[in-house]
Structures are given as C-alpha cells and as structure tokens.
Amino acid sequence: MRDKFVKVSTGEFHYQKSERFIKTMLEVWRYLNKKNVYTPSEEKTLHRLSMFLQLNTNAIVSPNGDYMGIEKMADETGIDRSNIRKVVKLLMRNNSLGMWKSGDREIYYMNPLLYQMGEVPGYLFNLFDAEFHRRCKIDHNLMAFKAGKKVTSILTNKTARVAV
C-alpha cells in the first residue's frame, strides 16, 4: 500500500511507500532449518514477535509503540507467560534476541539477520556481533555460520544436528 499526500509548495500529489512488511532473511533461515537450530516453539515465538518489530530499529514494541516486556509479549502473542519467558531466554542464549537496558527500561531487539523491519542501522548489527564474540570467548563449542556472503552472529553449536 502507498500513502498519498500533497506537496503543499507545488500542489502535486506524491506517494510514499508505507512499511507494512517484514523482510525475512531467507539464506539464514534455510541454514537454520537444515541444521534444526530452533525447536518449533522457538521458531513460532520468533515469527510471532517479528510482527511487533519497530520500524528502523528492530526493537520489539506493542501496537501503541511501547517497548514490550515478557508479560506484554505473552499478552500480544497469545503464548503462555511461563513458556514465552523460557523461550525468550533460550533465544537470547543463541543471540536471536538481544536485551539491552536504556535507563530503567529493558528493550528487546530481534537479530536483524532473522527479520528486519525497514532500514535497520548498523549499530544493531554491531551489538549482536559484539555479543557473539563475547559468548564465543566463554564457550569454545559455539560457532558462526555463513549465509550467502555474510557470516552471521547467531550462535550455533559445533555439533548442530543435520535435518533428516
């Protein structure tokens, strides 16, 4: 859909593309599915949360624009609170979701290598990359994988199962 507006100075009609879609990073998802990195519950949660990405930041926000906490995620996605708490913790462990604090707020972000809403700034990629490198220094059994020409920041186990 396109929004129509009038340029006041000239009286001309212009159309502006509205962001009503989310980009799915297909090469990354193909690899993740082939290696069975996510459980069906994790994949379902990521998909449902992708519908709440903020334009140009990839923060997870409610329809009114407030940053979502775990309880609000449960309410908006229809996933039980205890389940979503557990799944979000697992998704943060493999760097699919990130949580950073700003003042007294906890802001959850989705890794832009999975889904993107609009033009995601480079600093978000850098935050996930920094977390990836920090975690790899601690656990040497973790690895990156290449999707297309990009090495991802999603953590996988070196012994990830290959899909049958």
N, C-alpha and C. Protein backbone atom coordinates (compact mmCIF):
# COMPACT_ATOMS: atom_id res chain seq x y z
N MET A 1 0.84 -1.18 0.00
CA MET A 1 0.00 0.00 0.00
C MET A 1 0.88 1.24 0.00
N ARG A 2 0.36 2.28 -0.60
CA ARG A 2 1.10 3.53 -0.63
C ARG A 2 0.22 4.62 -0.04
N ASP A 3 0.83 5.52 0.73
CA ASP A 3 0.11 6.65 1.28
C ASP A 3 0.21 7.82 0.32
N LYS A 4 -0.91 8.49 0.11
CA LYS A 4 -0.96 9.60 -0.82
C LYS A 4 -0.91 10.90 -0.02
N PHE A 5 -0.08 11.83 -0.46
CA PHE A 5 -0.04 13.13 0.19
C PHE A 5 0.20 14.20 -0.87
N VAL A 6 -0.11 15.43 -0.49
CA VAL A 6 0.03 16.57 -1.40
C VAL A 6 1.22 17.40 -0.94
N LYS A 7 2.11 17.70 -1.86
CA LYS A 7 3.23 18.59 -1.57
C LYS A 7 2.67 20.01 -1.59
N VAL A 8 2.67 20.68 -0.45
CA VAL A 8 2.00 21.97 -0.28
C VAL A 8 2.57 23.04 -1.20
N SER A 9 3.89 23.08 -1.35
CA SER A 9 4.51 24.15 -2.14
C SER A 9 4.12 24.10 -3.62
N THR A 10 3.90 22.90 -4.16
CA THR A 10 3.59 22.78 -5.59
C THR A 10 2.18 22.30 -5.87
N GLY A 11 1.52 21.72 -4.86
CA GLY A 11 0.19 21.16 -5.06
C GLY A 11 0.19 19.81 -5.75
N GLU A 12 1.37 19.22 -5.94
CA GLU A 12 1.47 17.92 -6.61
C GLU A 12 1.15 16.78 -5.66
N PHE A 13 0.58 15.71 -6.23
CA PHE A 13 0.34 14.50 -5.46
C PHE A 13 1.59 13.64 -5.47
N HIS A 14 1.94 13.10 -4.32
CA HIS A 14 3.07 12.18 -4.21
C HIS A 14 2.61 10.96 -3.43
N TYR A 15 3.31 9.87 -3.69
CA TYR A 15 3.02 8.63 -2.98
C TYR A 15 4.24 8.23 -2.18
N GLN A 16 4.00 7.78 -0.98
CA GLN A 16 5.08 7.33 -0.11
C GLN A 16 4.80 5.89 0.28
N LYS A 17 5.80 5.06 0.14
CA LYS A 17 5.65 3.66 0.49
C LYS A 17 5.54 3.53 2.01
N SER A 18 4.52 2.84 2.47
CA SER A 18 4.40 2.61 3.90
C SER A 18 4.98 1.23 4.21
N GLU A 19 5.59 1.11 5.36
CA GLU A 19 6.22 -0.14 5.76
C GLU A 19 5.17 -1.06 6.37
N ARG A 20 4.66 -1.97 5.59
CA ARG A 20 3.68 -2.94 6.07
C ARG A 20 4.19 -4.36 5.85
N PHE A 21 5.48 -4.50 5.80
CA PHE A 21 6.04 -5.82 5.57
C PHE A 21 7.31 -5.99 6.39
N ILE A 22 7.67 -7.22 6.59
CA ILE A 22 8.89 -7.58 7.32
C ILE A 22 9.75 -8.39 6.38
N LYS A 23 11.03 -8.07 6.31
CA LYS A 23 11.95 -8.85 5.47
C LYS A 23 12.41 -10.08 6.25
N THR A 24 12.29 -11.21 5.61
CA THR A 24 12.80 -12.46 6.17
C THR A 24 14.11 -12.77 5.46
N MET A 25 15.13 -13.06 6.21
CA MET A 25 16.43 -13.34 5.63
C MET A 25 16.48 -14.83 5.26
N LEU A 26 16.15 -15.12 4.01
CA LEU A 26 15.93 -16.50 3.56
C LEU A 26 17.16 -17.40 3.68
N GLU A 27 18.33 -16.91 3.31
CA GLU A 27 19.52 -17.77 3.35
C GLU A 27 19.82 -18.20 4.78
N VAL A 28 19.61 -17.30 5.73
CA VAL A 28 19.84 -17.62 7.13
C VAL A 28 18.82 -18.67 7.59
N TRP A 29 17.56 -18.44 7.27
CA TRP A 29 16.52 -19.37 7.69
C TRP A 29 16.70 -20.75 7.05
N ARG A 30 17.15 -20.80 5.81
CA ARG A 30 17.39 -22.11 5.17
C ARG A 30 18.44 -22.90 5.95
N TYR A 31 19.52 -22.23 6.35
CA TYR A 31 20.56 -22.90 7.11
C TYR A 31 20.01 -23.35 8.47
N LEU A 32 19.31 -22.45 9.16
CA LEU A 32 18.79 -22.77 10.49
C LEU A 32 17.82 -23.95 10.44
N ASN A 33 16.99 -24.00 9.41
CA ASN A 33 16.07 -25.13 9.27
C ASN A 33 16.81 -26.42 8.92
N LYS A 34 17.81 -26.32 8.06
CA LYS A 34 18.58 -27.51 7.66
C LYS A 34 19.30 -28.11 8.87
N LYS A 35 19.80 -27.28 9.75
CA LYS A 35 20.55 -27.75 10.93
C LYS A 35 19.68 -27.93 12.17
N ASN A 36 18.37 -27.71 12.04
CA ASN A 36 17.46 -27.86 13.19
C ASN A 36 17.92 -27.06 14.40
N VAL A 37 18.29 -25.82 14.18
CA VAL A 37 18.80 -24.98 15.27
C VAL A 37 17.68 -24.61 16.24
N TYR A 38 16.48 -24.34 15.74
CA TYR A 38 15.37 -23.94 16.59
C TYR A 38 14.38 -25.08 16.78
N THR A 39 13.78 -25.11 17.96
CA THR A 39 12.65 -26.01 18.18
C THR A 39 11.43 -25.35 17.54
N PRO A 40 10.36 -26.11 17.30
CA PRO A 40 9.15 -25.47 16.76
C PRO A 40 8.63 -24.34 17.64
N SER A 41 8.75 -24.48 18.94
CA SER A 41 8.30 -23.44 19.87
C SER A 41 9.12 -22.16 19.71
N GLU A 42 10.44 -22.30 19.56
CA GLU A 42 11.31 -21.13 19.37
C GLU A 42 11.01 -20.44 18.04
N GLU A 43 10.83 -21.24 17.00
CA GLU A 43 10.54 -20.68 15.68
C GLU A 43 9.20 -19.95 15.68
N LYS A 44 8.21 -20.54 16.32
CA LYS A 44 6.89 -19.91 16.42
C LYS A 44 6.98 -18.59 17.18
N THR A 45 7.73 -18.57 18.25
CA THR A 45 7.87 -17.34 19.04
C THR A 45 8.57 -16.26 18.24
N LEU A 46 9.64 -16.61 17.53
CA LEU A 46 10.32 -15.62 16.69
C LEU A 46 9.38 -15.06 15.63
N HIS A 47 8.62 -15.93 15.00
CA HIS A 47 7.70 -15.47 13.96
C HIS A 47 6.65 -14.53 14.54
N ARG A 48 6.07 -14.90 15.66
CA ARG A 48 5.04 -14.05 16.26
C ARG A 48 5.62 -12.72 16.73
N LEU A 49 6.82 -12.73 17.30
CA LEU A 49 7.43 -11.48 17.75
C LEU A 49 7.84 -10.60 16.58
N SER A 50 8.12 -11.22 15.43
CA SER A 50 8.53 -10.41 14.26
C SER A 50 7.41 -9.47 13.82
N MET A 51 6.19 -9.78 14.18
CA MET A 51 5.06 -8.92 13.82
C MET A 51 5.01 -7.64 14.65
N PHE A 52 5.89 -7.55 15.66
CA PHE A 52 5.89 -6.39 16.55
C PHE A 52 7.20 -5.62 16.48
N LEU A 53 7.93 -5.76 15.38
CA LEU A 53 9.19 -5.04 15.25
C LEU A 53 8.93 -3.57 14.95
N GLN A 54 9.71 -2.73 15.60
CA GLN A 54 9.61 -1.29 15.37
C GLN A 54 10.35 -0.94 14.09
N LEU A 55 9.77 -0.07 13.31
CA LEU A 55 10.36 0.37 12.05
C LEU A 55 11.73 0.99 12.31
N ASN A 56 12.73 0.52 11.56
CA ASN A 56 14.10 1.04 11.56
C ASN A 56 14.90 0.81 12.83
N THR A 57 14.38 0.06 13.81
CA THR A 57 15.19 -0.23 15.00
C THR A 57 15.23 -1.72 15.32
N ASN A 58 14.23 -2.48 14.88
CA ASN A 58 14.08 -3.89 15.19
C ASN A 58 13.83 -4.15 16.67
N ALA A 59 13.44 -3.11 17.41
CA ALA A 59 13.01 -3.30 18.79
C ALA A 59 11.63 -3.95 18.77
N ILE A 60 11.32 -4.72 19.80
CA ILE A 60 10.03 -5.37 19.89
C ILE A 60 9.12 -4.44 20.68
N VAL A 61 8.09 -3.93 20.01
CA VAL A 61 7.20 -2.93 20.61
C VAL A 61 5.74 -3.37 20.47
N SER A 62 4.91 -2.86 21.36
CA SER A 62 3.47 -3.12 21.29
C SER A 62 2.86 -2.27 20.19
N PRO A 63 1.62 -2.55 19.79
CA PRO A 63 1.00 -1.76 18.73
C PRO A 63 0.93 -0.26 19.02
N ASN A 64 0.91 0.13 20.30
CA ASN A 64 0.89 1.56 20.61
C ASN A 64 2.29 2.16 20.69
N GLY A 65 3.34 1.36 20.43
CA GLY A 65 4.70 1.87 20.37
C GLY A 65 5.53 1.72 21.62
N ASP A 66 4.97 1.17 22.70
CA ASP A 66 5.73 0.96 23.93
C ASP A 66 6.61 -0.28 23.80
N TYR A 67 7.80 -0.23 24.41
CA TYR A 67 8.67 -1.39 24.40
C TYR A 67 8.01 -2.51 25.20
N MET A 68 8.11 -3.72 24.66
CA MET A 68 7.46 -4.87 25.29
C MET A 68 8.38 -5.56 26.28
N GLY A 69 7.82 -5.88 27.43
CA GLY A 69 8.46 -6.77 28.38
C GLY A 69 7.91 -8.18 28.15
N ILE A 70 8.34 -9.11 28.96
CA ILE A 70 7.92 -10.50 28.81
C ILE A 70 6.40 -10.64 28.95
N GLU A 71 5.81 -9.97 29.93
CA GLU A 71 4.37 -10.10 30.14
C GLU A 71 3.58 -9.57 28.95
N LYS A 72 4.01 -8.45 28.43
CA LYS A 72 3.32 -7.86 27.27
C LYS A 72 3.50 -8.75 26.04
N MET A 73 4.69 -9.37 25.89
CA MET A 73 4.91 -10.30 24.77
C MET A 73 3.92 -11.46 24.86
N ALA A 74 3.73 -11.97 26.07
CA ALA A 74 2.79 -13.08 26.26
C ALA A 74 1.37 -12.65 25.89
N ASP A 75 0.97 -11.46 26.33
CA ASP A 75 -0.38 -10.97 26.02
C ASP A 75 -0.58 -10.79 24.51
N GLU A 76 0.39 -10.18 23.85
CA GLU A 76 0.24 -9.85 22.43
C GLU A 76 0.35 -11.06 21.51
N THR A 77 1.18 -12.04 21.88
CA THR A 77 1.39 -13.20 21.01
C THR A 77 0.45 -14.36 21.32
N GLY A 78 -0.18 -14.34 22.50
CA GLY A 78 -1.05 -15.45 22.88
C GLY A 78 -0.29 -16.66 23.39
N ILE A 79 0.98 -16.49 23.67
CA ILE A 79 1.81 -17.58 24.20
C ILE A 79 1.82 -17.46 25.73
N ASP A 80 1.68 -18.59 26.41
CA ASP A 80 1.66 -18.62 27.87
C ASP A 80 2.89 -17.93 28.46
N ARG A 81 2.70 -17.18 29.55
CA ARG A 81 3.79 -16.40 30.16
C ARG A 81 5.01 -17.26 30.53
N SER A 82 4.77 -18.38 31.15
CA SER A 82 5.91 -19.21 31.56
C SER A 82 6.65 -19.76 30.34
N ASN A 83 5.90 -20.11 29.29
CA ASN A 83 6.54 -20.61 28.07
C ASN A 83 7.33 -19.52 27.36
N ILE A 84 6.75 -18.34 27.23
CA ILE A 84 7.45 -17.29 26.49
C ILE A 84 8.69 -16.84 27.27
N ARG A 85 8.60 -16.83 28.59
CA ARG A 85 9.77 -16.46 29.41
C ARG A 85 10.91 -17.44 29.14
N LYS A 86 10.58 -18.73 29.11
CA LYS A 86 11.58 -19.76 28.88
C LYS A 86 12.15 -19.67 27.46
N VAL A 87 11.28 -19.50 26.47
CA VAL A 87 11.73 -19.45 25.07
C VAL A 87 12.55 -18.20 24.80
N VAL A 88 12.14 -17.06 25.33
CA VAL A 88 12.91 -15.82 25.13
C VAL A 88 14.31 -15.97 25.73
N LYS A 89 14.40 -16.62 26.88
CA LYS A 89 15.71 -16.86 27.50
C LYS A 89 16.59 -17.72 26.59
N LEU A 90 16.01 -18.77 25.99
CA LEU A 90 16.76 -19.62 25.05
C LEU A 90 17.17 -18.85 23.80
N LEU A 91 16.26 -18.01 23.28
CA LEU A 91 16.57 -17.23 22.08
C LEU A 91 17.64 -16.18 22.35
N MET A 92 17.68 -15.67 23.56
CA MET A 92 18.75 -14.74 23.93
C MET A 92 20.08 -15.49 24.06
N ARG A 93 20.01 -16.73 24.50
CA ARG A 93 21.22 -17.53 24.66
C ARG A 93 21.90 -17.80 23.31
N ASN A 94 21.10 -17.97 22.23
CA ASN A 94 21.73 -18.21 20.93
C ASN A 94 21.79 -16.95 20.07
N ASN A 95 21.58 -15.79 20.71
CA ASN A 95 21.78 -14.47 20.08
C ASN A 95 20.74 -14.17 18.99
N SER A 96 19.58 -14.80 19.08
CA SER A 96 18.50 -14.48 18.16
C SER A 96 17.73 -13.25 18.64
N LEU A 97 17.64 -13.11 19.94
CA LEU A 97 17.09 -11.92 20.56
C LEU A 97 18.16 -11.31 21.45
N GLY A 98 18.11 -10.01 21.58
CA GLY A 98 19.02 -9.32 22.48
C GLY A 98 18.23 -8.40 23.38
N MET A 99 18.72 -8.21 24.59
CA MET A 99 18.08 -7.29 25.51
C MET A 99 19.16 -6.34 26.03
N TRP A 100 18.92 -5.06 25.82
CA TRP A 100 19.84 -4.05 26.32
C TRP A 100 19.04 -3.07 27.13
N LYS A 101 19.67 -2.51 28.14
CA LYS A 101 19.00 -1.57 29.03
C LYS A 101 19.27 -0.14 28.59
N SER A 102 18.24 0.67 28.69
CA SER A 102 18.34 2.10 28.44
C SER A 102 17.66 2.78 29.61
N GLY A 103 18.45 3.32 30.51
CA GLY A 103 17.89 3.88 31.74
C GLY A 103 17.33 2.75 32.59
N ASP A 104 16.06 2.84 32.94
CA ASP A 104 15.44 1.78 33.73
C ASP A 104 14.63 0.82 32.87
N ARG A 105 14.70 0.97 31.55
CA ARG A 105 13.96 0.11 30.62
C ARG A 105 14.82 -1.03 30.11
N GLU A 106 14.18 -2.17 29.94
CA GLU A 106 14.79 -3.29 29.25
C GLU A 106 14.17 -3.32 27.86
N ILE A 107 15.00 -3.22 26.83
CA ILE A 107 14.49 -3.18 25.46
C ILE A 107 14.97 -4.44 24.74
N TYR A 108 14.01 -5.18 24.21
CA TYR A 108 14.33 -6.41 23.48
C TYR A 108 14.40 -6.10 21.99
N TYR A 109 15.42 -6.66 21.35
CA TYR A 109 15.62 -6.49 19.91
C TYR A 109 15.70 -7.85 19.26
N MET A 110 15.25 -7.94 18.01
CA MET A 110 15.41 -9.16 17.24
C MET A 110 16.65 -9.02 16.38
N ASN A 111 17.41 -10.09 16.29
CA ASN A 111 18.61 -10.09 15.46
C ASN A 111 18.19 -9.78 14.02
N PRO A 112 18.75 -8.72 13.42
CA PRO A 112 18.33 -8.35 12.07
C PRO A 112 18.74 -9.36 10.99
N LEU A 113 19.50 -10.36 11.36
CA LEU A 113 19.83 -11.41 10.39
C LEU A 113 18.71 -12.43 10.27
N LEU A 114 17.67 -12.31 11.11
CA LEU A 114 16.49 -13.17 11.01
C LEU A 114 15.36 -12.45 10.30
N TYR A 115 14.98 -11.31 10.86
CA TYR A 115 13.90 -10.48 10.30
C TYR A 115 14.33 -9.02 10.40
N GLN A 116 13.84 -8.21 9.47
CA GLN A 116 14.10 -6.77 9.52
C GLN A 116 12.83 -6.02 9.18
N MET A 117 12.64 -4.92 9.88
CA MET A 117 11.52 -4.02 9.58
C MET A 117 12.13 -2.68 9.21
N GLY A 118 12.10 -2.35 7.92
CA GLY A 118 12.67 -1.09 7.46
C GLY A 118 14.18 -1.17 7.32
N GLU A 119 14.83 -0.03 7.39
CA GLU A 119 16.29 0.06 7.28
C GLU A 119 16.91 0.02 8.67
N VAL A 120 17.42 -1.13 9.06
CA VAL A 120 17.99 -1.31 10.38
C VAL A 120 19.39 -0.71 10.40
N PRO A 121 19.69 0.12 11.40
CA PRO A 121 21.01 0.77 11.45
C PRO A 121 22.14 -0.21 11.77
N GLY A 122 23.33 0.14 11.34
CA GLY A 122 24.50 -0.71 11.52
C GLY A 122 24.84 -1.00 12.97
N TYR A 123 24.54 -0.06 13.88
CA TYR A 123 24.92 -0.29 15.27
C TYR A 123 24.22 -1.51 15.86
N LEU A 124 23.02 -1.86 15.36
CA LEU A 124 22.33 -3.03 15.88
C LEU A 124 23.07 -4.31 15.47
N PHE A 125 23.55 -4.35 14.22
CA PHE A 125 24.36 -5.48 13.79
C PHE A 125 25.60 -5.59 14.67
N ASN A 126 26.22 -4.43 14.99
CA ASN A 126 27.42 -4.41 15.83
C ASN A 126 27.13 -4.91 17.25
N LEU A 127 25.97 -4.56 17.80
CA LEU A 127 25.62 -5.05 19.14
C LEU A 127 25.52 -6.57 19.16
N PHE A 128 24.86 -7.14 18.15
CA PHE A 128 24.73 -8.61 18.09
C PHE A 128 26.09 -9.26 17.80
N ASP A 129 26.92 -8.63 16.96
CA ASP A 129 28.27 -9.16 16.69
C ASP A 129 29.12 -9.15 17.96
N ALA A 130 29.06 -8.07 18.73
CA ALA A 130 29.84 -7.97 19.96
C ALA A 130 29.40 -9.04 20.96
N GLU A 131 28.10 -9.26 21.06
CA GLU A 131 27.59 -10.30 21.95
C GLU A 131 28.04 -11.69 21.47
N PHE A 132 28.03 -11.90 20.17
CA PHE A 132 28.50 -13.15 19.60
C PHE A 132 29.96 -13.42 20.00
N HIS A 133 30.82 -12.43 19.80
CA HIS A 133 32.25 -12.61 20.12
C HIS A 133 32.48 -12.79 21.62
N ARG A 134 31.72 -12.08 22.43
CA ARG A 134 31.84 -12.22 23.89
C ARG A 134 31.49 -13.65 24.30
N ARG A 135 30.40 -14.19 23.74
CA ARG A 135 29.96 -15.52 24.11
C ARG A 135 30.90 -16.60 23.59
N CYS A 136 31.48 -16.41 22.40
CA CYS A 136 32.41 -17.40 21.83
C CYS A 136 33.70 -17.49 22.64
N LYS A 137 34.10 -16.40 23.28
CA LYS A 137 35.29 -16.44 24.14
C LYS A 137 35.05 -17.29 25.37
N ILE A 138 33.80 -17.32 25.82
CA ILE A 138 33.44 -18.09 27.01
C ILE A 138 33.25 -19.57 26.67
N ASP A 139 32.53 -19.86 25.60
CA ASP A 139 32.20 -21.22 25.20
C ASP A 139 32.80 -21.50 23.83
N HIS A 140 33.84 -22.29 23.79
CA HIS A 140 34.55 -22.57 22.53
C HIS A 140 33.83 -23.60 21.66
N ASN A 141 32.70 -24.12 22.13
CA ASN A 141 31.92 -25.07 21.35
C ASN A 141 30.91 -24.35 20.44
N LEU A 142 30.86 -23.02 20.51
CA LEU A 142 29.95 -22.25 19.69
C LEU A 142 30.61 -21.83 18.39
N MET A 143 29.81 -21.63 17.36
CA MET A 143 30.37 -21.23 16.08
C MET A 143 29.41 -20.33 15.32
N ALA A 144 29.94 -19.64 14.35
CA ALA A 144 29.13 -18.85 13.42
C ALA A 144 28.88 -19.70 12.19
N PHE A 145 27.99 -19.27 11.36
CA PHE A 145 27.80 -19.93 10.09
C PHE A 145 27.66 -18.86 9.02
N LYS A 146 27.95 -19.25 7.81
CA LYS A 146 27.90 -18.33 6.69
C LYS A 146 26.59 -18.54 5.95
N ALA A 147 25.87 -17.44 5.72
CA ALA A 147 24.64 -17.47 4.94
C ALA A 147 24.84 -16.53 3.77
N GLY A 148 24.99 -17.09 2.59
CA GLY A 148 25.32 -16.26 1.44
C GLY A 148 26.75 -15.76 1.61
N LYS A 149 26.94 -14.45 1.59
CA LYS A 149 28.28 -13.88 1.75
C LYS A 149 28.52 -13.35 3.15
N LYS A 150 27.54 -13.45 4.03
CA LYS A 150 27.61 -12.86 5.36
C LYS A 150 27.81 -13.93 6.41
N VAL A 151 28.79 -13.72 7.30
CA VAL A 151 28.94 -14.57 8.46
C VAL A 151 27.98 -14.03 9.51
N THR A 152 27.14 -14.90 10.05
CA THR A 152 26.08 -14.45 10.94
C THR A 152 26.58 -14.33 12.38
N SER A 153 25.77 -13.69 13.20
CA SER A 153 26.06 -13.56 14.63
C SER A 153 25.13 -14.44 15.46
N ILE A 154 24.44 -15.37 14.82
CA ILE A 154 23.57 -16.29 15.54
C ILE A 154 24.43 -17.47 15.99
N LEU A 155 24.34 -17.78 17.26
CA LEU A 155 25.18 -18.83 17.82
C LEU A 155 24.60 -20.21 17.55
N THR A 156 25.43 -21.09 17.04
CA THR A 156 25.03 -22.49 16.87
C THR A 156 26.11 -23.34 17.50
N ASN A 157 25.72 -24.54 17.86
CA ASN A 157 26.64 -25.49 18.46
C ASN A 157 27.43 -26.16 17.34
N LYS A 158 28.70 -26.42 17.55
CA LYS A 158 29.51 -27.07 16.51
C LYS A 158 28.98 -28.45 16.15
N THR A 159 28.19 -29.00 17.04
CA THR A 159 27.63 -30.34 16.78
C THR A 159 26.15 -30.26 16.43
N ALA A 160 25.73 -29.16 15.80
CA ALA A 160 24.32 -28.99 15.43
C ALA A 160 23.87 -30.14 14.55
N ARG A 161 22.66 -30.63 14.80
CA ARG A 161 22.12 -31.77 14.06
C ARG A 161 21.79 -31.35 12.63
N VAL A 162 22.04 -32.24 11.71
CA VAL A 162 21.63 -32.02 10.32
C VAL A 162 20.24 -32.61 10.15
N ALA A 163 19.36 -31.87 9.49
CA ALA A 163 17.99 -32.34 9.28
C ALA A 163 17.98 -33.65 8.49
N VAL A 164 17.09 -34.52 8.87
CA VAL A 164 16.97 -35.81 8.17
C VAL A 164 16.05 -35.66 6.99
